[in-house]
């Protein structure tokens, strides 16, 4: 079931996975299921739902930006979405997975090993407290289902080099989030490039990817502490 759903869904997206990628998705699913039995990684289970609502949903980013050869950070990676799905389909990318919970980082490290990705960096840190050498060092930052866009932009844009991209994966309703985040995005050196709506193959779901181009350096005072961000969003 997993392989059939992925093959048909990716074909609809114009993505042609090789045999290695298909085998990795099977291993991804099995490892996720095994770990999810003892720790809360995702509420979505079963081959079809995992394939559609996680793997195909994340793969949509590959239609919107070229990840090949890019240095990418997945902020708040959780169970590896979208970072490890993108890496599975585009192994040429250089990937860093960042999460604030140590148990999730242990899972990500184990999963990366199972998938044969010895070059994936799995980092246990809060985004606002990440090592200084990561600042403005990535071509692309991506994040899925972590926080509202005004908060998420302050967490993610400082990682992106000027000229790079921040891709925020969002649900069907993004207009209000865009309005409340617009000022902060400008302060952080970003510019909303476009909002790309996409369908999740085999479902009636339509999600959005907010693509924000980094056009200027992020002021050094950002990101602030999480408590301050929540109390006084930009």
C-alpha atoms as a PDB file:
ATOM      1  CA  UNK A   1       0.000   0.000   0.000  1.00  0.00           C
ATOM      2  CA  UNK A   2       2.716   2.486   1.008  1.00  0.00           C
ATOM      3  CA  UNK A   3       4.675   2.019  -2.204  1.00  0.00           C
ATOM      4  CA  UNK A   4       1.602   2.225  -4.456  1.00  0.00           C
ATOM      5  CA  UNK A   5       0.285   5.403  -2.802  1.00  0.00           C
ATOM      6  CA  UNK A   6       3.696   7.058  -2.971  1.00  0.00           C
ATOM      7  CA  UNK A   7       4.363   6.048  -6.569  1.00  0.00           C
ATOM      8  CA  UNK A   8       1.008   7.365  -7.770  1.00  0.00           C
ATOM      9  CA  UNK A   9       1.102  10.517  -5.622  1.00  0.00           C
ATOM     10  CA  UNK A  10       4.665  11.477  -6.509  1.00  0.00           C
ATOM     11  CA  UNK A  11       3.925  10.872 -10.192  1.00  0.00           C
ATOM     12  CA  UNK A  12       1.067  13.383  -9.935  1.00  0.00           C
ATOM     13  CA  UNK A  13       3.611  15.859  -8.577  1.00  0.00           C
ATOM     14  CA  UNK A  14       6.043  15.142 -11.393  1.00  0.00           C
ATOM     15  CA  UNK A  15       8.538  13.545  -8.997  1.00  0.00           C
ATOM     16  CA  UNK A  16      10.169  10.261 -10.027  1.00  0.00           C
ATOM     17  CA  UNK A  17      11.796   8.513  -7.044  1.00  0.00           C
ATOM     18  CA  UNK A  18      14.480   5.926  -7.730  1.00  0.00           C
ATOM     19  CA  UNK A  19      14.489   2.459  -6.146  1.00  0.00           C
ATOM     20  CA  UNK A  20      16.715   3.630  -3.298  1.00  0.00           C
ATOM     21  CA  UNK A  21      14.208   6.329  -2.352  1.00  0.00           C
ATOM     22  CA  UNK A  22      11.328   3.884  -2.438  1.00  0.00           C
ATOM     23  CA  UNK A  23      13.207   1.492  -0.163  1.00  0.00           C
ATOM     24  CA  UNK A  24      14.023   4.339   2.203  1.00  0.00           C
ATOM     25  CA  UNK A  25      10.376   5.344   2.505  1.00  0.00           C
ATOM     26  CA  UNK A  26       9.528   1.775   3.538  1.00  0.00           C
ATOM     27  CA  UNK A  27      12.290   1.845   6.156  1.00  0.00           C
ATOM     28  CA  UNK A  28      11.184   5.305   7.276  1.00  0.00           C
ATOM     29  CA  UNK A  29       7.640   4.069   7.827  1.00  0.00           C
ATOM     30  CA  UNK A  30       8.750   0.950   9.710  1.00  0.00           C
ATOM     31  CA  UNK A  31      11.143   2.871  11.975  1.00  0.00           C
ATOM     32  CA  UNK A  32       8.572   5.590  12.660  1.00  0.00           C
ATOM     33  CA  UNK A  33       5.931   2.995  13.541  1.00  0.00           C
ATOM     34  CA  UNK A  34       8.318   1.152  15.857  1.00  0.00           C
ATOM     35  CA  UNK A  35       9.377   4.279  17.760  1.00  0.00           C
ATOM     36  CA  UNK A  36       5.878   5.754  17.794  1.00  0.00           C
ATOM     37  CA  UNK A  37       4.683   2.766  19.812  1.00  0.00           C
ATOM     38  CA  UNK A  38       6.764   3.930  22.776  1.00  0.00           C
ATOM     39  CA  UNK A  39       6.937   7.704  22.305  1.00  0.00           C
ATOM     40  CA  UNK A  40       4.580  10.319  20.897  1.00  0.00           C
ATOM     41  CA  UNK A  41       5.966  11.271  17.490  1.00  0.00           C
ATOM     42  CA  UNK A  42       2.824  11.498  15.374  1.00  0.00           C
ATOM     43  CA  UNK A  43      -0.915  10.898  15.696  1.00  0.00           C
ATOM     44  CA  UNK A  44      -1.044   9.736  12.081  1.00  0.00           C
ATOM     45  CA  UNK A  45      -0.648   5.987  11.586  1.00  0.00           C
ATOM     46  CA  UNK A  46      -1.090   3.339   8.919  1.00  0.00           C
ATOM     47  CA  UNK A  47       0.631   3.064   5.556  1.00  0.00           C
ATOM     48  CA  UNK A  48      -1.857   5.044   3.465  1.00  0.00           C
ATOM     49  CA  UNK A  49      -2.303   7.959   5.874  1.00  0.00           C
ATOM     50  CA  UNK A  50       1.422   8.207   6.570  1.00  0.00           C
ATOM     51  CA  UNK A  51       2.173   8.150   2.854  1.00  0.00           C
ATOM     52  CA  UNK A  52      -0.380  10.829   2.009  1.00  0.00           C
ATOM     53  CA  UNK A  53      -0.485  13.101   5.065  1.00  0.00           C
ATOM     54  CA  UNK A  54       3.224  13.061   5.859  1.00  0.00           C
ATOM     55  CA  UNK A  55       5.369  11.898   2.942  1.00  0.00           C
ATOM     56  CA  UNK A  56       3.434  13.367   0.006  1.00  0.00           C
ATOM     57  CA  UNK A  57       2.571  16.557   1.884  1.00  0.00           C
ATOM     58  CA  UNK A  58       6.250  17.215   2.628  1.00  0.00           C
ATOM     59  CA  UNK A  59       7.377  16.249  -0.873  1.00  0.00           C
ATOM     60  CA  UNK A  60       5.343  19.153  -2.269  1.00  0.00           C
ATOM     61  CA  UNK A  61       8.178  21.547  -1.372  1.00  0.00           C
ATOM     62  CA  UNK A  62      10.348  19.970  -4.072  1.00  0.00           C
ATOM     63  CA  UNK A  63       7.978  21.363  -6.703  1.00  0.00           C
ATOM     64  CA  UNK A  64       8.437  24.882  -5.376  1.00  0.00           C
ATOM     65  CA  UNK A  65      12.204  25.196  -4.908  1.00  0.00           C
ATOM     66  CA  UNK A  66      15.376  23.422  -6.017  1.00  0.00           C
ATOM     67  CA  UNK A  67      16.916  21.715  -2.973  1.00  0.00           C
ATOM     68  CA  UNK A  68      19.718  19.923  -4.813  1.00  0.00           C
ATOM     69  CA  UNK A  69      23.138  20.881  -3.459  1.00  0.00           C
ATOM     70  CA  UNK A  70      21.582  23.329  -0.986  1.00  0.00           C
ATOM     71  CA  UNK A  71      22.367  23.644   2.710  1.00  0.00           C
ATOM     72  CA  UNK A  72      19.035  23.144   4.475  1.00  0.00           C
ATOM     73  CA  UNK A  73      17.844  23.357   8.097  1.00  0.00           C
ATOM     74  CA  UNK A  74      14.542  21.874   9.256  1.00  0.00           C
ATOM     75  CA  UNK A  75      13.474  23.825  12.345  1.00  0.00           C
ATOM     76  CA  UNK A  76      11.360  21.873  14.830  1.00  0.00           C
ATOM     77  CA  UNK A  77      11.812  18.714  12.809  1.00  0.00           C
ATOM     78  CA  UNK A  78       9.835  16.405  15.102  1.00  0.00           C
ATOM     79  CA  UNK A  79       9.617  13.081  13.296  1.00  0.00           C
ATOM     80  CA  UNK A  80      11.680  14.370  10.373  1.00  0.00           C
ATOM     81  CA  UNK A  81       8.992  16.316   8.540  1.00  0.00           C
ATOM     82  CA  UNK A  82       9.700  17.812   6.116  1.00  0.00           C
ATOM     83  CA  UNK A  83      13.514  17.489   6.277  1.00  0.00           C
ATOM     84  CA  UNK A  84      14.064  13.748   6.004  1.00  0.00           C
ATOM     85  CA  UNK A  85      11.330  13.325   3.403  1.00  0.00           C
ATOM     86  CA  UNK A  86      13.072  15.943   1.242  1.00  0.00           C
ATOM     87  CA  UNK A  87      16.455  14.281   1.840  1.00  0.00           C
ATOM     88  CA  UNK A  88      15.016  10.898   0.840  1.00  0.00           C
ATOM     89  CA  UNK A  89      13.928  12.313  -2.509  1.00  0.00           C
ATOM     90  CA  UNK A  90      16.893  14.675  -2.916  1.00  0.00           C
ATOM     91  CA  UNK A  91      19.960  13.067  -1.264  1.00  0.00           C
ATOM     92  CA  UNK A  92      22.237  15.778  -2.718  1.00  0.00           C
ATOM     93  CA  UNK A  93      21.045  18.317  -0.157  1.00  0.00           C
ATOM     94  CA  UNK A  94      23.036  19.037   2.999  1.00  0.00           C
ATOM     95  CA  UNK A  95      20.592  18.685   5.913  1.00  0.00           C
ATOM     96  CA  UNK A  96      20.501  19.793   9.544  1.00  0.00           C
ATOM     97  CA  UNK A  97      17.571  18.655  11.709  1.00  0.00           C
ATOM     98  CA  UNK A  98      16.909  20.870  14.724  1.00  0.00           C
ATOM     99  CA  UNK A  99      14.561  20.007  17.576  1.00  0.00           C
ATOM    100  CA  UNK A 100      14.166  21.129  21.183  1.00  0.00           C
ATOM    101  CA  UNK A 101      13.340  17.677  22.606  1.00  0.00           C
ATOM    102  CA  UNK A 102      16.232  15.287  23.165  1.00  0.00           C
ATOM    103  CA  UNK A 103      14.107  12.163  22.678  1.00  0.00           C
ATOM    104  CA  UNK A 104      13.044  13.358  19.239  1.00  0.00           C
ATOM    105  CA  UNK A 105      16.641  14.127  18.306  1.00  0.00           C
ATOM    106  CA  UNK A 106      17.603  10.580  19.341  1.00  0.00           C
ATOM    107  CA  UNK A 107      14.879   9.278  17.038  1.00  0.00           C
ATOM    108  CA  UNK A 108      16.054  11.504  14.180  1.00  0.00           C
ATOM    109  CA  UNK A 109      19.625  10.329  14.624  1.00  0.00           C
ATOM    110  CA  UNK A 110      18.568   6.670  14.652  1.00  0.00           C
ATOM    111  CA  UNK A 111      16.284   7.173  11.656  1.00  0.00           C
ATOM    112  CA  UNK A 112      19.000   8.961   9.667  1.00  0.00           C
ATOM    113  CA  UNK A 113      21.257   5.977  10.289  1.00  0.00           C
ATOM    114  CA  UNK A 114      18.540   3.531   9.210  1.00  0.00           C
ATOM    115  CA  UNK A 115      18.106   5.492   5.980  1.00  0.00           C
ATOM    116  CA  UNK A 116      21.861   5.484   5.322  1.00  0.00           C
ATOM    117  CA  UNK A 117      22.295   9.235   5.727  1.00  0.00           C
ATOM    118  CA  UNK A 118      25.566   9.579   7.604  1.00  0.00           C
ATOM    119  CA  UNK A 119      25.812  13.249   6.566  1.00  0.00           C
ATOM    120  CA  UNK A 120      22.630  14.461   8.323  1.00  0.00           C
ATOM    121  CA  UNK A 121      23.298  16.593  11.404  1.00  0.00           C
ATOM    122  CA  UNK A 122      20.762  16.089  14.218  1.00  0.00           C
ATOM    123  CA  UNK A 123      20.924  18.922  16.717  1.00  0.00           C
ATOM    124  CA  UNK A 124      19.253  19.176  20.125  1.00  0.00           C
ATOM    125  CA  UNK A 125      18.604  22.869  20.733  1.00  0.00           C
ATOM    126  CA  UNK A 126      15.896  25.489  20.808  1.00  0.00           C
ATOM    127  CA  UNK A 127      15.960  27.523  17.616  1.00  0.00           C
ATOM    128  CA  UNK A 128      16.490  30.791  19.497  1.00  0.00           C
ATOM    129  CA  UNK A 129      19.433  29.245  21.383  1.00  0.00           C
ATOM    130  CA  UNK A 130      21.114  27.428  18.489  1.00  0.00           C
ATOM    131  CA  UNK A 131      24.916  27.628  18.066  1.00  0.00           C
ATOM    132  CA  UNK A 132      26.105  30.962  16.682  1.00  0.00           C
ATOM    133  CA  UNK A 133      27.884  29.342  13.731  1.00  0.00           C
ATOM    134  CA  UNK A 134      24.511  28.354  12.275  1.00  0.00           C
ATOM    135  CA  UNK A 135      23.372  31.955  11.934  1.00  0.00           C
ATOM    136  CA  UNK A 136      22.797  33.021   8.317  1.00  0.00           C
ATOM    137  CA  UNK A 137      24.561  29.898   7.064  1.00  0.00           C
ATOM    138  CA  UNK A 138      21.748  28.059   5.256  1.00  0.00           C
ATOM    139  CA  UNK A 139      20.364  28.360   1.741  1.00  0.00           C
ATOM    140  CA  UNK A 140      16.943  27.164   2.905  1.00  0.00           C
ATOM    141  CA  UNK A 141      15.160  26.939   6.250  1.00  0.00           C
ATOM    142  CA  UNK A 142      11.921  24.979   6.367  1.00  0.00           C
ATOM    143  CA  UNK A 143       9.392  24.244   9.064  1.00  0.00           C
ATOM    144  CA  UNK A 144       6.078  22.415   9.321  1.00  0.00           C
ATOM    145  CA  UNK A 145       3.376  22.773  11.963  1.00  0.00           C
ATOM    146  CA  UNK A 146       5.573  24.423  14.606  1.00  0.00           C
ATOM    147  CA  UNK A 147       4.111  27.878  15.406  1.00  0.00           C
ATOM    148  CA  UNK A 148       2.205  30.793  13.936  1.00  0.00           C
ATOM    149  CA  UNK A 149       4.072  32.585  11.176  1.00  0.00           C
ATOM    150  CA  UNK A 150       4.948  35.718  13.186  1.00  0.00           C
ATOM    151  CA  UNK A 151       6.770  33.587  15.774  1.00  0.00           C
ATOM    152  CA  UNK A 152       8.093  31.080  13.272  1.00  0.00           C
ATOM    153  CA  UNK A 153       9.712  33.789  11.152  1.00  0.00           C
ATOM    154  CA  UNK A 154      11.744  35.039  14.104  1.00  0.00           C
ATOM    155  CA  UNK A 155      12.877  31.484  14.814  1.00  0.00           C
ATOM    156  CA  UNK A 156      13.769  30.589  11.227  1.00  0.00           C
ATOM    157  CA  UNK A 157      14.868  33.666   9.251  1.00  0.00           C
ATOM    158  CA  UNK A 158      18.055  34.212  11.328  1.00  0.00           C
ATOM    159  CA  UNK A 159      19.343  30.864   9.992  1.00  0.00           C
ATOM    160  CA  UNK A 160      18.989  31.917   6.345  1.00  0.00           C
ATOM    161  CA  UNK A 161      21.749  33.635   4.396  1.00  0.00           C
ATOM    162  CA  UNK A 162      20.898  36.697   2.315  1.00  0.00           C
ATOM    163  CA  UNK A 163      19.448  35.480  -0.968  1.00  0.00           C
ATOM    164  CA  UNK A 164      18.213  32.281   0.653  1.00  0.00           C
ATOM    165  CA  UNK A 165      14.678  31.099   1.366  1.00  0.00           C
ATOM    166  CA  UNK A 166      12.465  30.332   4.329  1.00  0.00           C
ATOM    167  CA  UNK A 167       9.652  27.900   3.456  1.00  0.00           C
ATOM    168  CA  UNK A 168       6.862  27.655   6.035  1.00  0.00           C
ATOM    169  CA  UNK A 169       4.425  24.788   5.506  1.00  0.00           C
ATOM    170  CA  UNK A 170       0.932  25.810   6.528  1.00  0.00           C
ATOM    171  CA  UNK A 171      -2.658  24.585   6.332  1.00  0.00           C
ATOM    172  CA  UNK A 172      -5.472  25.934   4.154  1.00  0.00           C
ATOM    173  CA  UNK A 173      -5.947  29.239   6.010  1.00  0.00           C
ATOM    174  CA  UNK A 174      -2.919  31.528   5.991  1.00  0.00           C
ATOM    175  CA  UNK A 175      -4.276  35.016   5.275  1.00  0.00           C
ATOM    176  CA  UNK A 176      -4.563  36.091   8.908  1.00  0.00           C
ATOM    177  CA  UNK A 177      -1.109  34.718   9.761  1.00  0.00           C
ATOM    178  CA  UNK A 178       0.384  36.598   6.831  1.00  0.00           C
ATOM    179  CA  UNK A 179      -1.170  39.870   7.965  1.00  0.00           C
ATOM    180  CA  UNK A 180       0.101  39.566  11.527  1.00  0.00           C
ATOM    181  CA  UNK A 181       3.591  38.465  10.394  1.00  0.00           C
ATOM    182  CA  UNK A 182       4.210  40.952   7.583  1.00  0.00           C
ATOM    183  CA  UNK A 183       5.867  43.665   9.681  1.00  0.00           C
ATOM    184  CA  UNK A 184       8.074  41.208  11.554  1.00  0.00           C
ATOM    185  CA  UNK A 185       9.218  39.515   8.364  1.00  0.00           C
ATOM    186  CA  UNK A 186      10.467  42.867   7.064  1.00  0.00           C
ATOM    187  CA  UNK A 187      12.260  43.619  10.361  1.00  0.00           C
ATOM    188  CA  UNK A 188      13.998  40.244  10.145  1.00  0.00           C
ATOM    189  CA  UNK A 189      15.288  40.867   6.629  1.00  0.00           C
ATOM    190  CA  UNK A 190      12.667  38.865   4.796  1.00  0.00           C
ATOM    191  CA  UNK A 191      10.243  39.531   1.980  1.00  0.00           C
ATOM    192  CA  UNK A 192       7.185  37.428   1.192  1.00  0.00           C
ATOM    193  CA  UNK A 193       7.878  36.053  -2.281  1.00  0.00           C
ATOM    194  CA  UNK A 194       4.687  34.071  -2.770  1.00  0.00           C
ATOM    195  CA  UNK A 195       2.172  31.780  -1.167  1.00  0.00           C
ATOM    196  CA  UNK A 196       1.932  28.511  -3.069  1.00  0.00           C
ATOM    197  CA  UNK A 197      -1.237  26.468  -2.612  1.00  0.00           C
ATOM    198  CA  UNK A 198      -0.939  22.765  -3.375  1.00  0.00           C
ATOM    199  CA  UNK A 199      -3.141  19.684  -3.249  1.00  0.00           C
ATOM    200  CA  UNK A 200      -2.167  16.581  -1.290  1.00  0.00           C
ATOM    201  CA  UNK A 201      -2.602  13.723  -3.827  1.00  0.00           C
ATOM    202  CA  UNK A 202      -5.409  11.310  -3.046  1.00  0.00           C
ATOM    203  CA  UNK A 203      -7.090  13.670  -0.580  1.00  0.00           C
ATOM    204  CA  UNK A 204      -9.286  16.755  -0.666  1.00  0.00           C
ATOM    205  CA  UNK A 205      -6.702  18.681   1.339  1.00  0.00           C
ATOM    206  CA  UNK A 206      -5.196  21.877   0.021  1.00  0.00           C
ATOM    207  CA  UNK A 207      -2.231  23.252   1.958  1.00  0.00           C
ATOM    208  CA  UNK A 208      -0.016  26.300   1.546  1.00  0.00           C
ATOM    209  CA  UNK A 209       3.702  26.926   1.520  1.00  0.00           C
ATOM    210  CA  UNK A 210       4.686  30.471   2.424  1.00  0.00           C
ATOM    211  CA  UNK A 211       7.957  31.277   0.635  1.00  0.00           C
ATOM    212  CA  UNK A 212       9.931  34.128   2.188  1.00  0.00           C
ATOM    213  CA  UNK A 213      13.096  35.397   0.506  1.00  0.00           C
ATOM    214  CA  UNK A 214      15.931  36.709   2.692  1.00  0.00           C
ATOM    215  CA  UNK A 215      16.801  40.123   1.250  1.00  0.00           C
ATOM    216  CA  UNK A 216      18.815  41.660   4.100  1.00  0.00           C
ATOM    217  CA  UNK A 217      20.772  40.624   7.187  1.00  0.00           C
ATOM    218  CA  UNK A 218      18.737  39.844  10.281  1.00  0.00           C
ATOM    219  CA  UNK A 219      19.542  42.353  13.060  1.00  0.00           C
ATOM    220  CA  UNK A 220      21.718  40.763  15.736  1.00  0.00           C
ATOM    221  CA  UNK A 221      19.110  41.267  18.467  1.00  0.00           C
ATOM    222  CA  UNK A 222      16.907  38.624  16.822  1.00  0.00           C
ATOM    223  CA  UNK A 223      15.864  36.002  17.680  1.00  0.00           C
ATOM    224  CA  UNK A 224      14.808  37.002  21.178  1.00  0.00           C
ATOM    225  CA  UNK A 225      14.000  34.646  24.037  1.00  0.00           C
ATOM    226  CA  UNK A 226      10.890  32.549  23.436  1.00  0.00           C
ATOM    227  CA  UNK A 227       8.962  34.125  26.294  1.00  0.00           C
ATOM    228  CA  UNK A 228       9.588  37.598  24.909  1.00  0.00           C
ATOM    229  CA  UNK A 229       8.560  36.517  21.413  1.00  0.00           C
ATOM    230  CA  UNK A 230       5.248  35.188  22.679  1.00  0.00           C
ATOM    231  CA  UNK A 231       4.596  38.206  24.880  1.00  0.00           C
ATOM    232  CA  UNK A 232       5.560  40.798  22.253  1.00  0.00           C
ATOM    233  CA  UNK A 233       5.421  39.304  18.736  1.00  0.00           C
ATOM    234  CA  UNK A 234       7.071  41.436  16.068  1.00  0.00           C
END
